[in-house]
Amino acid sequence: MNFKVMGRRVMSLKPDGVVDATARTIVTAIFFLWNLYEGSVFEAPYDKTLVKLYGFPLFRFVLILLVIAAAYWCPRVGVMVALAVFFYMEDMEKLRRPWVTFEKKESS
């Protein structure tokens, strides 16, 4: 599956060379392992910096641009990065809200 833009091949599953193939494999493996860890643990510990950055809308926009850039480079890497961003955003949404418990009040 090759897409051409202005005569140049983009978004291809076929690597351009040995370095590109190695980089794609390493990045895909890193994000696969990260997704495996983050997806299997509900309350994954995130670095304080990542927690603070989540409050800024520009940071979330940069994450979306990261997903687009990764998918442009290689669709497999794009899928792994998209999953990592999805798990991160979902965890932050859950962990930033206070836990609400509904307890039945007993009448005296």
C-alpha atoms as a PDB file:
ATOM      1  CA  MET A   1       0.000   0.000   0.000  1.00  0.00           C
ATOM      2  CA  ASN A   2       1.754   3.118  -1.261  1.00  0.00           C
ATOM      3  CA  PHE A   3       0.405   6.634  -1.357  1.00  0.00           C
ATOM      4  CA  LYS A   4       2.112   9.218  -3.517  1.00  0.00           C
ATOM      5  CA  VAL A   5       2.035  12.940  -2.883  1.00  0.00           C
ATOM      6  CA  MET A   6       3.709  15.097  -5.527  1.00  0.00           C
ATOM      7  CA  GLY A   7       5.509  12.036  -6.894  1.00  0.00           C
ATOM      8  CA  ARG A   8       6.923  11.068  -3.492  1.00  0.00           C
ATOM      9  CA  ARG A   9       5.997   7.910  -1.646  1.00  0.00           C
ATOM     10  CA  VAL A  10       4.451   8.574   1.757  1.00  0.00           C
ATOM     11  CA  MET A  11       2.711   6.489   4.407  1.00  0.00           C
ATOM     12  CA  SER A  12       4.082   3.193   3.248  1.00  0.00           C
ATOM     13  CA  LEU A  13       4.233  -0.107   5.051  1.00  0.00           C
ATOM     14  CA  LYS A  14       7.454  -0.896   3.204  1.00  0.00           C
ATOM     15  CA  PRO A  15      10.563   0.616   4.848  1.00  0.00           C
ATOM     16  CA  ASP A  16      12.976   2.700   2.770  1.00  0.00           C
ATOM     17  CA  GLY A  17      16.101   0.951   4.025  1.00  0.00           C
ATOM     18  CA  VAL A  18      17.770  -0.908   6.863  1.00  0.00           C
ATOM     19  CA  VAL A  19      17.886   2.112   9.177  1.00  0.00           C
ATOM     20  CA  ASP A  20      14.226   2.931   8.533  1.00  0.00           C
ATOM     21  CA  ALA A  21      13.181  -0.687   9.100  1.00  0.00           C
ATOM     22  CA  THR A  22      15.183  -0.880  12.337  1.00  0.00           C
ATOM     23  CA  ALA A  23      13.800   2.435  13.599  1.00  0.00           C
ATOM     24  CA  ARG A  24      10.226   1.400  12.789  1.00  0.00           C
ATOM     25  CA  THR A  25      10.682  -1.923  14.553  1.00  0.00           C
ATOM     26  CA  ILE A  26      12.235  -0.361  17.661  1.00  0.00           C
ATOM     27  CA  VAL A  27       9.645   2.430  17.951  1.00  0.00           C
ATOM     28  CA  THR A  28       6.771  -0.001  17.367  1.00  0.00           C
ATOM     29  CA  ALA A  29       8.165  -2.396  19.991  1.00  0.00           C
ATOM     30  CA  ILE A  30       8.651   0.390  22.554  1.00  0.00           C
ATOM     31  CA  PHE A  31       5.107   1.669  22.126  1.00  0.00           C
ATOM     32  CA  PHE A  32       3.735  -1.893  22.085  1.00  0.00           C
ATOM     33  CA  LEU A  33       5.379  -2.625  25.440  1.00  0.00           C
ATOM     34  CA  TRP A  34       4.233   0.720  26.830  1.00  0.00           C
ATOM     35  CA  ASN A  35       0.673   0.016  25.667  1.00  0.00           C
ATOM     36  CA  LEU A  36       0.830  -3.461  27.145  1.00  0.00           C
ATOM     37  CA  TYR A  37       1.882  -2.051  30.515  1.00  0.00           C
ATOM     38  CA  GLU A  38      -0.428   0.975  30.550  1.00  0.00           C
ATOM     39  CA  GLY A  39      -3.398  -0.961  29.208  1.00  0.00           C
ATOM     40  CA  SER A  40      -3.108  -3.732  31.759  1.00  0.00           C
ATOM     41  CA  VAL A  41      -2.837  -1.497  34.835  1.00  0.00           C
ATOM     42  CA  PHE A  42      -5.772   0.761  35.743  1.00  0.00           C
ATOM     43  CA  GLU A  43      -3.942   3.264  37.897  1.00  0.00           C
ATOM     44  CA  ALA A  44      -0.634   3.402  36.087  1.00  0.00           C
ATOM     45  CA  PRO A  45       1.806   5.777  37.764  1.00  0.00           C
ATOM     46  CA  TYR A  46       2.524   8.726  35.493  1.00  0.00           C
ATOM     47  CA  ASP A  47       5.329  11.199  35.922  1.00  0.00           C
ATOM     48  CA  LYS A  48       4.239  14.410  37.670  1.00  0.00           C
ATOM     49  CA  THR A  49       5.247  16.385  34.598  1.00  0.00           C
ATOM     50  CA  LEU A  50       2.855  14.420  32.379  1.00  0.00           C
ATOM     51  CA  VAL A  51       0.064  14.945  34.888  1.00  0.00           C
ATOM     52  CA  LYS A  52       0.667  18.698  35.012  1.00  0.00           C
ATOM     53  CA  LEU A  53       0.995  19.020  31.233  1.00  0.00           C
ATOM     54  CA  TYR A  54      -2.365  17.353  30.697  1.00  0.00           C
ATOM     55  CA  GLY A  55      -4.093  20.473  32.012  1.00  0.00           C
ATOM     56  CA  PHE A  56      -2.860  22.525  29.057  1.00  0.00           C
ATOM     57  CA  PRO A  57      -4.946  22.209  25.870  1.00  0.00           C
ATOM     58  CA  LEU A  58      -1.885  22.950  23.726  1.00  0.00           C
ATOM     59  CA  PHE A  59      -0.163  19.831  25.084  1.00  0.00           C
ATOM     60  CA  ARG A  60      -3.136  17.673  24.092  1.00  0.00           C
ATOM     61  CA  PHE A  61      -3.043  19.252  20.637  1.00  0.00           C
ATOM     62  CA  VAL A  62       0.676  18.396  20.372  1.00  0.00           C
ATOM     63  CA  LEU A  63      -0.171  14.789  21.269  1.00  0.00           C
ATOM     64  CA  ILE A  64      -2.639  14.663  18.374  1.00  0.00           C
ATOM     65  CA  LEU A  65       0.039  16.076  16.065  1.00  0.00           C
ATOM     66  CA  LEU A  66       2.387  13.356  17.324  1.00  0.00           C
ATOM     67  CA  VAL A  67      -0.164  10.712  16.346  1.00  0.00           C
ATOM     68  CA  ILE A  68      -0.555  12.252  12.881  1.00  0.00           C
ATOM     69  CA  ALA A  69       3.225  12.456  12.368  1.00  0.00           C
ATOM     70  CA  ALA A  70       3.696   8.856  13.502  1.00  0.00           C
ATOM     71  CA  ALA A  71       0.938   7.636  11.170  1.00  0.00           C
ATOM     72  CA  TYR A  72       2.477   9.622   8.312  1.00  0.00           C
ATOM     73  CA  TRP A  73       5.821   7.915   8.902  1.00  0.00           C
ATOM     74  CA  CYS A  74       4.457   4.386   9.341  1.00  0.00           C
ATOM     75  CA  PRO A  75       0.857   3.254   9.916  1.00  0.00           C
ATOM     76  CA  ARG A  76       1.974   0.587  12.414  1.00  0.00           C
ATOM     77  CA  VAL A  77       3.828   3.162  14.498  1.00  0.00           C
ATOM     78  CA  GLY A  78       0.815   5.456  14.194  1.00  0.00           C
ATOM     79  CA  VAL A  79      -1.484   2.800  15.644  1.00  0.00           C
ATOM     80  CA  MET A  80       0.840   2.166  18.592  1.00  0.00           C
ATOM     81  CA  VAL A  81       1.256   5.888  19.308  1.00  0.00           C
ATOM     82  CA  ALA A  82      -2.503   6.438  18.995  1.00  0.00           C
ATOM     83  CA  LEU A  83      -3.160   3.678  21.526  1.00  0.00           C
ATOM     84  CA  ALA A  84      -0.573   5.137  23.916  1.00  0.00           C
ATOM     85  CA  VAL A  85      -2.135   8.602  23.637  1.00  0.00           C
ATOM     86  CA  PHE A  86      -5.613   7.097  24.095  1.00  0.00           C
ATOM     87  CA  PHE A  87      -4.614   5.239  27.277  1.00  0.00           C
ATOM     88  CA  TYR A  88      -2.859   8.354  28.612  1.00  0.00           C
ATOM     89  CA  MET A  89      -5.828  10.639  27.959  1.00  0.00           C
ATOM     90  CA  GLU A  90      -8.336   8.188  29.381  1.00  0.00           C
ATOM     91  CA  ASP A  91      -6.268   7.636  32.511  1.00  0.00           C
ATOM     92  CA  MET A  92      -5.853  11.369  33.022  1.00  0.00           C
ATOM     93  CA  GLU A  93      -9.590  11.955  32.656  1.00  0.00           C
ATOM     94  CA  LYS A  94     -10.303   9.274  35.254  1.00  0.00           C
ATOM     95  CA  LEU A  95      -7.529  10.200  37.665  1.00  0.00           C
ATOM     96  CA  ARG A  96      -8.044  13.984  37.622  1.00  0.00           C
ATOM     97  CA  ARG A  97     -11.660  13.696  38.742  1.00  0.00           C
ATOM     98  CA  PRO A  98     -12.317  13.069  42.401  1.00  0.00           C
ATOM     99  CA  TRP A  99     -13.837   9.727  43.226  1.00  0.00           C
ATOM    100  CA  VAL A 100     -17.533  10.061  43.837  1.00  0.00           C
ATOM    101  CA  THR A 101     -19.096   7.530  46.100  1.00  0.00           C
ATOM    102  CA  PHE A 102     -22.783   7.293  46.616  1.00  0.00           C
ATOM    103  CA  GLU A 103     -23.554   6.023  50.063  1.00  0.00           C
ATOM    104  CA  LYS A 104     -27.044   5.423  51.213  1.00  0.00           C
ATOM    105  CA  LYS A 105     -27.769   7.615  54.191  1.00  0.00           C
ATOM    106  CA  GLU A 106     -29.476   5.877  57.014  1.00  0.00           C
ATOM    107  CA  SER A 107     -32.342   7.772  58.513  1.00  0.00           C
ATOM    108  CA  SER A 108     -32.353   7.913  62.306  1.00  0.00           C
END
